[in-house]
């Protein structure tokens, strides 16, 4: 297991707990992975976990606040 995959798993676990009952765990996993792909190679490795959490959480909050049914954003790459 790489450091990145461990961070992705930790962020996914944390956000799954935070959004329990409001968002399916599989959707959270997809959002966290997409955010990780967007950040990969763009941020300092020491900051990757914190930024991954912030970006993924912001996307999940935006999905929940969407007036229509939430959709899972795709990676920008």
PDB file of N, CA and C in Angstrom:
ATOM      1  N   UNK A   1       0.850  -1.181   0.000  1.00  0.00           N
ATOM      2  CA  UNK A   1       0.000   0.000   0.000  1.00  0.00           C
ATOM      3  C   UNK A   1       0.894   1.241   0.000  1.00  0.00           C
ATOM      4  N   UNK A   2       0.587   2.175  -0.866  1.00  0.00           N
ATOM      5  CA  UNK A   2       1.377   3.398  -0.936  1.00  0.00           C
ATOM      6  C   UNK A   2       0.841   4.423   0.053  1.00  0.00           C
ATOM      7  N   UNK A   3       1.643   5.449   0.255  1.00  0.00           N
ATOM      8  CA  UNK A   3       1.225   6.523   1.164  1.00  0.00           C
ATOM      9  C   UNK A   3      -0.030   7.190   0.622  1.00  0.00           C
ATOM     10  N   UNK A   4      -0.076   7.411  -0.696  1.00  0.00           N
ATOM     11  CA  UNK A   4      -1.241   8.063  -1.299  1.00  0.00           C
ATOM     12  C   UNK A   4      -2.502   7.230  -1.113  1.00  0.00           C
ATOM     13  N   UNK A   5      -2.390   5.916  -1.332  1.00  0.00           N
ATOM     14  CA  UNK A   5      -3.590   5.089  -1.188  1.00  0.00           C
ATOM     15  C   UNK A   5      -4.034   5.022   0.273  1.00  0.00           C
ATOM     16  N   UNK A   6      -3.071   5.055   1.187  1.00  0.00           N
ATOM     17  CA  UNK A   6      -3.421   5.072   2.615  1.00  0.00           C
ATOM     18  C   UNK A   6      -4.145   6.372   2.957  1.00  0.00           C
ATOM     19  N   UNK A   7      -3.632   7.482   2.433  1.00  0.00           N
ATOM     20  CA  UNK A   7      -4.291   8.777   2.671  1.00  0.00           C
ATOM     21  C   UNK A   7      -5.694   8.790   2.073  1.00  0.00           C
ATOM     22  N   UNK A   8      -5.823   8.248   0.875  1.00  0.00           N
ATOM     23  CA  UNK A   8      -7.132   8.186   0.232  1.00  0.00           C
ATOM     24  C   UNK A   8      -8.104   7.358   1.067  1.00  0.00           C
ATOM     25  N   UNK A   9      -7.633   6.224   1.574  1.00  0.00           N
ATOM     26  CA  UNK A   9      -8.482   5.385   2.418  1.00  0.00           C
ATOM     27  C   UNK A   9      -8.874   6.095   3.704  1.00  0.00           C
ATOM     28  N   UNK A  10      -7.920   6.801   4.317  1.00  0.00           N
ATOM     29  CA  UNK A  10      -8.207   7.520   5.566  1.00  0.00           C
ATOM     30  C   UNK A  10      -9.222   8.633   5.337  1.00  0.00           C
ATOM     31  N   UNK A  11      -9.035   9.400   4.269  1.00  0.00           N
ATOM     32  CA  UNK A  11      -9.958  10.495   3.970  1.00  0.00           C
ATOM     33  C   UNK A  11     -11.343   9.932   3.651  1.00  0.00           C
ATOM     34  N   UNK A  12     -11.388   8.838   2.902  1.00  0.00           N
ATOM     35  CA  UNK A  12     -12.666   8.203   2.575  1.00  0.00           C
ATOM     36  C   UNK A  12     -13.380   7.747   3.845  1.00  0.00           C
ATOM     37  N   UNK A  13     -12.651   7.124   4.742  1.00  0.00           N
ATOM     38  CA  UNK A  13     -13.236   6.660   6.003  1.00  0.00           C
ATOM     39  C   UNK A  13     -13.763   7.832   6.821  1.00  0.00           C
ATOM     40  N   UNK A  14     -12.975   8.868   6.935  1.00  0.00           N
ATOM     41  CA  UNK A  14     -13.369  10.047   7.705  1.00  0.00           C
ATOM     42  C   UNK A  14     -14.632  10.684   7.127  1.00  0.00           C
ATOM     43  N   UNK A  15     -14.643  10.888   5.801  1.00  0.00           N
ATOM     44  CA  UNK A  15     -15.794  11.539   5.175  1.00  0.00           C
ATOM     45  C   UNK A  15     -17.025  10.636   5.166  1.00  0.00           C
ATOM     46  N   UNK A  16     -16.831   9.338   5.089  1.00  0.00           N
ATOM     47  CA  UNK A  16     -17.962   8.414   5.158  1.00  0.00           C
ATOM     48  C   UNK A  16     -18.655   8.545   6.509  1.00  0.00           C
ATOM     49  N   UNK A  17     -17.877   8.686   7.565  1.00  0.00           N
ATOM     50  CA  UNK A  17     -18.458   8.907   8.884  1.00  0.00           C
ATOM     51  C   UNK A  17     -19.142  10.253   8.991  1.00  0.00           C
ATOM     52  N   UNK A  18     -18.521  11.264   8.413  1.00  0.00           N
ATOM     53  CA  UNK A  18     -19.067  12.619   8.488  1.00  0.00           C
ATOM     54  C   UNK A  18     -20.376  12.767   7.705  1.00  0.00           C
ATOM     55  N   UNK A  19     -20.474  12.058   6.581  1.00  0.00           N
ATOM     56  CA  UNK A  19     -21.655  12.185   5.727  1.00  0.00           C
ATOM     57  C   UNK A  19     -22.588  10.977   5.826  1.00  0.00           C
ATOM     58  N   UNK A  20     -22.438  10.183   6.869  1.00  0.00           N
ATOM     59  CA  UNK A  20     -23.278   8.989   7.060  1.00  0.00           C
ATOM     60  C   UNK A  20     -24.752   9.376   7.062  1.00  0.00           C
ATOM     61  N   UNK A  21     -25.533   8.638   6.317  1.00  0.00           N
ATOM     62  CA  UNK A  21     -26.960   8.903   6.251  1.00  0.00           C
ATOM     63  C   UNK A  21     -27.348   9.960   5.243  1.00  0.00           C
ATOM     64  N   UNK A  22     -26.375  10.697   4.743  1.00  0.00           N
ATOM     65  CA  UNK A  22     -26.679  11.741   3.764  1.00  0.00           C
ATOM     66  C   UNK A  22     -26.137  11.419   2.382  1.00  0.00           C
ATOM     67  N   UNK A  23     -25.122  10.556   2.322  1.00  0.00           N
ATOM     68  CA  UNK A  23     -24.463  10.244   1.059  1.00  0.00           C
ATOM     69  C   UNK A  23     -23.994   8.795   1.113  1.00  0.00           C
ATOM     70  N   UNK A  24     -24.229   8.023   0.062  1.00  0.00           N
ATOM     71  CA  UNK A  24     -23.768   6.624   0.067  1.00  0.00           C
ATOM     72  C   UNK A  24     -22.244   6.535   0.130  1.00  0.00           C
ATOM     73  N   UNK A  25     -21.753   5.530   0.835  1.00  0.00           N
ATOM     74  CA  UNK A  25     -20.314   5.353   0.997  1.00  0.00           C
ATOM     75  C   UNK A  25     -19.604   5.209  -0.342  1.00  0.00           C
ATOM     76  N   UNK A  26     -20.228   4.538  -1.290  1.00  0.00           N
ATOM     77  CA  UNK A  26     -19.597   4.348  -2.609  1.00  0.00           C
ATOM     78  C   UNK A  26     -19.443   5.681  -3.335  1.00  0.00           C
ATOM     79  N   UNK A  27     -20.412   6.563  -3.208  1.00  0.00           N
ATOM     80  CA  UNK A  27     -20.314   7.886  -3.835  1.00  0.00           C
ATOM     81  C   UNK A  27     -19.174   8.682  -3.216  1.00  0.00           C
ATOM     82  N   UNK A  28     -19.020   8.585  -1.914  1.00  0.00           N
ATOM     83  CA  UNK A  28     -17.931   9.292  -1.226  1.00  0.00           C
ATOM     84  C   UNK A  28     -16.591   8.764  -1.713  1.00  0.00           C
ATOM     85  N   UNK A  29     -16.485   7.471  -1.855  1.00  0.00           N
ATOM     86  CA  UNK A  29     -15.247   6.858  -2.332  1.00  0.00           C
ATOM     87  C   UNK A  29     -14.890   7.376  -3.727  1.00  0.00           C
ATOM     88  N   UNK A  30     -15.868   7.460  -4.601  1.00  0.00           N
ATOM     89  CA  UNK A  30     -15.644   7.948  -5.966  1.00  0.00           C
ATOM     90  C   UNK A  30     -15.201   9.413  -5.946  1.00  0.00           C
ATOM     91  N   UNK A  31     -15.848  10.228  -5.133  1.00  0.00           N
ATOM     92  CA  UNK A  31     -15.509  11.652  -5.051  1.00  0.00           C
ATOM     93  C   UNK A  31     -14.086  11.832  -4.517  1.00  0.00           C
ATOM     94  N   UNK A  32     -13.722  11.086  -3.487  1.00  0.00           N
ATOM     95  CA  UNK A  32     -12.374  11.209  -2.912  1.00  0.00           C
ATOM     96  C   UNK A  32     -11.322  10.794  -3.939  1.00  0.00           C
ATOM     97  N   UNK A  33     -11.570   9.721  -4.655  1.00  0.00           N
ATOM     98  CA  UNK A  33     -10.599   9.275  -5.674  1.00  0.00           C
ATOM     99  C   UNK A  33     -10.472  10.291  -6.800  1.00  0.00           C
ATOM    100  N   UNK A  34     -11.583  10.869  -7.228  1.00  0.00           N
ATOM    101  CA  UNK A  34     -11.535  11.891  -8.285  1.00  0.00           C
ATOM    102  C   UNK A  34     -10.762  13.119  -7.809  1.00  0.00           C
ATOM    103  N   UNK A  35     -10.996  13.530  -6.568  1.00  0.00           N
ATOM    104  CA  UNK A  35     -10.260  14.663  -6.011  1.00  0.00           C
ATOM    105  C   UNK A  35      -8.771  14.341  -5.927  1.00  0.00           C
ATOM    106  N   UNK A  36      -8.445  13.113  -5.551  1.00  0.00           N
ATOM    107  CA  UNK A  36      -7.044  12.699  -5.488  1.00  0.00           C
ATOM    108  C   UNK A  36      -6.371  12.765  -6.846  1.00  0.00           C
ATOM    109  N   UNK A  37      -7.073  12.343  -7.889  1.00  0.00           N
ATOM    110  CA  UNK A  37      -6.511  12.426  -9.247  1.00  0.00           C
ATOM    111  C   UNK A  37      -6.299  13.878  -9.655  1.00  0.00           C
ATOM    112  N   UNK A  38      -7.236  14.741  -9.284  1.00  0.00           N
ATOM    113  CA  UNK A  38      -7.094  16.160  -9.625  1.00  0.00           C
ATOM    114  C   UNK A  38      -5.908  16.803  -8.921  1.00  0.00           C
ATOM    115  N   UNK A  39      -5.625  16.378  -7.714  1.00  0.00           N
ATOM    116  CA  UNK A  39      -4.533  16.966  -6.935  1.00  0.00           C
ATOM    117  C   UNK A  39      -3.173  16.337  -7.232  1.00  0.00           C
ATOM    118  N   UNK A  40      -3.173  15.132  -7.758  1.00  0.00           N
ATOM    119  CA  UNK A  40      -1.932  14.388  -7.970  1.00  0.00           C
ATOM    120  C   UNK A  40      -0.940  15.182  -8.822  1.00  0.00           C
ATOM    121  N   UNK A  41       0.239  15.393  -8.263  1.00  0.00           N
ATOM    122  CA  UNK A  41       1.294  16.120  -8.954  1.00  0.00           C
ATOM    123  C   UNK A  41       1.158  17.626  -8.922  1.00  0.00           C
ATOM    124  N   UNK A  42       0.125  18.122  -8.290  1.00  0.00           N
ATOM    125  CA  UNK A  42      -0.118  19.570  -8.256  1.00  0.00           C
ATOM    126  C   UNK A  42       0.148  20.197  -6.895  1.00  0.00           C
ATOM    127  N   UNK A  43       0.297  19.374  -5.875  1.00  0.00           N
ATOM    128  CA  UNK A  43       0.506  19.903  -4.532  1.00  0.00           C
ATOM    129  C   UNK A  43       1.725  19.237  -3.896  1.00  0.00           C
ATOM    130  N   UNK A  44       2.260  19.892  -2.904  1.00  0.00           N
ATOM    131  CA  UNK A  44       3.379  19.345  -2.147  1.00  0.00           C
ATOM    132  C   UNK A  44       2.901  18.079  -1.431  1.00  0.00           C
ATOM    133  N   UNK A  45       3.663  16.986  -1.521  1.00  0.00           N
ATOM    134  CA  UNK A  45       3.217  15.728  -0.910  1.00  0.00           C
ATOM    135  C   UNK A  45       2.812  15.838   0.556  1.00  0.00           C
ATOM    136  N   UNK A  46       3.489  16.687   1.324  1.00  0.00           N
ATOM    137  CA  UNK A  46       3.150  16.840   2.736  1.00  0.00           C
ATOM    138  C   UNK A  46       1.751  17.415   2.950  1.00  0.00           C
ATOM    139  N   UNK A  47       1.248  18.133   1.981  1.00  0.00           N
ATOM    140  CA  UNK A  47      -0.060  18.777   2.098  1.00  0.00           C
ATOM    141  C   UNK A  47      -1.165  17.977   1.418  1.00  0.00           C
ATOM    142  N   UNK A  48      -0.819  16.882   0.766  1.00  0.00           N
ATOM    143  CA  UNK A  48      -1.789  16.136  -0.042  1.00  0.00           C
ATOM    144  C   UNK A  48      -2.994  15.668   0.771  1.00  0.00           C
ATOM    145  N   UNK A  49      -2.775  15.095   1.951  1.00  0.00           N
ATOM    146  CA  UNK A  49      -3.885  14.578   2.753  1.00  0.00           C
ATOM    147  C   UNK A  49      -4.861  15.651   3.168  1.00  0.00           C
ATOM    148  N   UNK A  50      -4.341  16.783   3.632  1.00  0.00           N
ATOM    149  CA  UNK A  50      -5.205  17.878   4.077  1.00  0.00           C
ATOM    150  C   UNK A  50      -5.995  18.454   2.906  1.00  0.00           C
ATOM    151  N   UNK A  51      -5.320  18.673   1.792  1.00  0.00           N
ATOM    152  CA  UNK A  51      -6.022  19.222   0.636  1.00  0.00           C
ATOM    153  C   UNK A  51      -7.007  18.223   0.048  1.00  0.00           C
ATOM    154  N   UNK A  52      -6.666  16.953   0.070  1.00  0.00           N
ATOM    155  CA  UNK A  52      -7.589  15.932  -0.416  1.00  0.00           C
ATOM    156  C   UNK A  52      -8.878  15.959   0.402  1.00  0.00           C
ATOM    157  N   UNK A  53      -8.746  16.033   1.704  1.00  0.00           N
ATOM    158  CA  UNK A  53      -9.920  16.110   2.576  1.00  0.00           C
ATOM    159  C   UNK A  53     -10.755  17.356   2.250  1.00  0.00           C
ATOM    160  N   UNK A  54     -10.094  18.487   2.144  1.00  0.00           N
ATOM    161  CA  UNK A  54     -10.818  19.743   1.913  1.00  0.00           C
ATOM    162  C   UNK A  54     -11.530  19.772   0.569  1.00  0.00           C
ATOM    163  N   UNK A  55     -10.831  19.325  -0.484  1.00  0.00           N
ATOM    164  CA  UNK A  55     -11.427  19.344  -1.824  1.00  0.00           C
ATOM    165  C   UNK A  55     -12.590  18.348  -1.896  1.00  0.00           C
ATOM    166  N   UNK A  56     -12.371  17.135  -1.411  1.00  0.00           N
ATOM    167  CA  UNK A  56     -13.433  16.126  -1.453  1.00  0.00           C
ATOM    168  C   UNK A  56     -14.633  16.565  -0.626  1.00  0.00           C
ATOM    169  N   UNK A  57     -14.396  17.110   0.562  1.00  0.00           N
ATOM    170  CA  UNK A  57     -15.493  17.556   1.415  1.00  0.00           C
ATOM    171  C   UNK A  57     -16.279  18.683   0.752  1.00  0.00           C
ATOM    172  N   UNK A  58     -15.571  19.626   0.131  1.00  0.00           N
ATOM    173  CA  UNK A  58     -16.247  20.732  -0.558  1.00  0.00           C
ATOM    174  C   UNK A  58     -17.126  20.205  -1.688  1.00  0.00           C
ATOM    175  N   UNK A  59     -16.646  19.202  -2.409  1.00  0.00           N
ATOM    176  CA  UNK A  59     -17.433  18.621  -3.495  1.00  0.00           C
ATOM    177  C   UNK A  59     -18.671  17.906  -2.947  1.00  0.00           C
ATOM    178  N   UNK A  60     -18.509  17.201  -1.849  1.00  0.00           N
ATOM    179  CA  UNK A  60     -19.645  16.491  -1.257  1.00  0.00           C
ATOM    180  C   UNK A  60     -20.704  17.479  -0.746  1.00  0.00           C
ATOM    181  N   UNK A  61     -20.266  18.537  -0.104  1.00  0.00           N
ATOM    182  CA  UNK A  61     -21.197  19.562   0.384  1.00  0.00           C
ATOM    183  C   UNK A  61     -21.931  20.193  -0.796  1.00  0.00           C
ATOM    184  N   UNK A  62     -21.198  20.469  -1.859  1.00  0.00           N
ATOM    185  CA  UNK A  62     -21.816  21.059  -3.056  1.00  0.00           C
ATOM    186  C   UNK A  62     -22.831  20.089  -3.668  1.00  0.00           C
ATOM    187  N   UNK A  63     -22.500  18.805  -3.675  1.00  0.00           N
ATOM    188  CA  UNK A  63     -23.440  17.810  -4.202  1.00  0.00           C
ATOM    189  C   UNK A  63     -24.720  17.774  -3.375  1.00  0.00           C
ATOM    190  N   UNK A  64     -24.586  17.850  -2.056  1.00  0.00           N
ATOM    191  CA  UNK A  64     -25.767  17.796  -1.187  1.00  0.00           C
ATOM    192  C   UNK A  64     -26.623  19.052  -1.300  1.00  0.00           C
ATOM    193  N   UNK A  65     -25.995  20.170  -1.599  1.00  0.00           N
ATOM    194  CA  UNK A  65     -26.748  21.418  -1.670  1.00  0.00           C
ATOM    195  C   UNK A  65     -27.305  21.690  -3.063  1.00  0.00           C
ATOM    196  N   UNK A  66     -27.026  20.804  -4.013  1.00  0.00           N
ATOM    197  CA  UNK A  66     -27.546  20.973  -5.373  1.00  0.00           C
ATOM    198  C   UNK A  66     -29.066  20.833  -5.346  1.00  0.00           C
ATOM    199  N   UNK A  67     -29.773  21.690  -6.083  1.00  0.00           N
ATOM    200  CA  UNK A  67     -31.230  21.628  -6.067  1.00  0.00           C
ATOM    201  C   UNK A  67     -31.777  20.346  -6.695  1.00  0.00           C
ATOM    202  N   UNK A  68     -31.091  19.814  -7.683  1.00  0.00           N
ATOM    203  CA  UNK A  68     -31.514  18.567  -8.314  1.00  0.00           C
ATOM    204  C   UNK A  68     -30.823  17.414  -7.623  1.00  0.00           C
ATOM    205  N   UNK A  69     -31.067  16.223  -8.108  1.00  0.00           N
ATOM    206  CA  UNK A  69     -30.415  15.050  -7.536  1.00  0.00           C
ATOM    207  C   UNK A  69     -28.909  15.190  -7.699  1.00  0.00           C
ATOM    208  N   UNK A  70     -28.161  14.944  -6.633  1.00  0.00           N
ATOM    209  CA  UNK A  70     -26.708  15.103  -6.728  1.00  0.00           C
ATOM    210  C   UNK A  70     -26.100  14.126  -7.726  1.00  0.00           C
ATOM    211  N   UNK A  71     -25.106  14.605  -8.455  1.00  0.00           N
ATOM    212  CA  UNK A  71     -24.354  13.728  -9.355  1.00  0.00           C
ATOM    213  C   UNK A  71     -22.889  13.753  -8.940  1.00  0.00           C
ATOM    214  N   UNK A  72     -22.203  12.705  -9.239  1.00  0.00           N
ATOM    215  CA  UNK A  72     -20.803  12.581  -8.845  1.00  0.00           C
ATOM    216  C   UNK A  72     -19.940  13.275  -9.885  1.00  0.00           C
ATOM    217  N   UNK A  73     -19.180  14.310  -9.474  1.00  0.00           N
ATOM    218  CA  UNK A  73     -18.337  15.012 -10.447  1.00  0.00           C
ATOM    219  C   UNK A  73     -17.209  14.122 -10.927  1.00  0.00           C
ATOM    220  N   UNK A  74     -16.880  14.264 -12.184  1.00  0.00           N
ATOM    221  CA  UNK A  74     -15.768  13.499 -12.741  1.00  0.00           C
ATOM    222  C   UNK A  74     -14.460  14.235 -12.519  1.00  0.00           C
ATOM    223  N   UNK A  75     -13.382  13.477 -12.591  1.00  0.00           N
ATOM    224  CA  UNK A  75     -12.058  14.057 -12.474  1.00  0.00           C
ATOM    225  C   UNK A  75     -11.849  15.032 -13.629  1.00  0.00           C
ATOM    226  N   UNK A  76     -11.069  16.035 -13.421  1.00  0.00           N
ATOM    227  CA  UNK A  76     -10.817  17.042 -14.448  1.00  0.00           C
ATOM    228  C   UNK A  76      -9.713  16.624 -15.400  1.00  0.00           C
ATOM    229  N   UNK A  77      -9.124  15.487 -15.150  1.00  0.00           N
ATOM    230  CA  UNK A  77      -8.050  15.023 -16.046  1.00  0.00           C
ATOM    231  C   UNK A  77      -8.575  14.070 -17.059  1.00  0.00           C
TER     232      UNK A  77
END
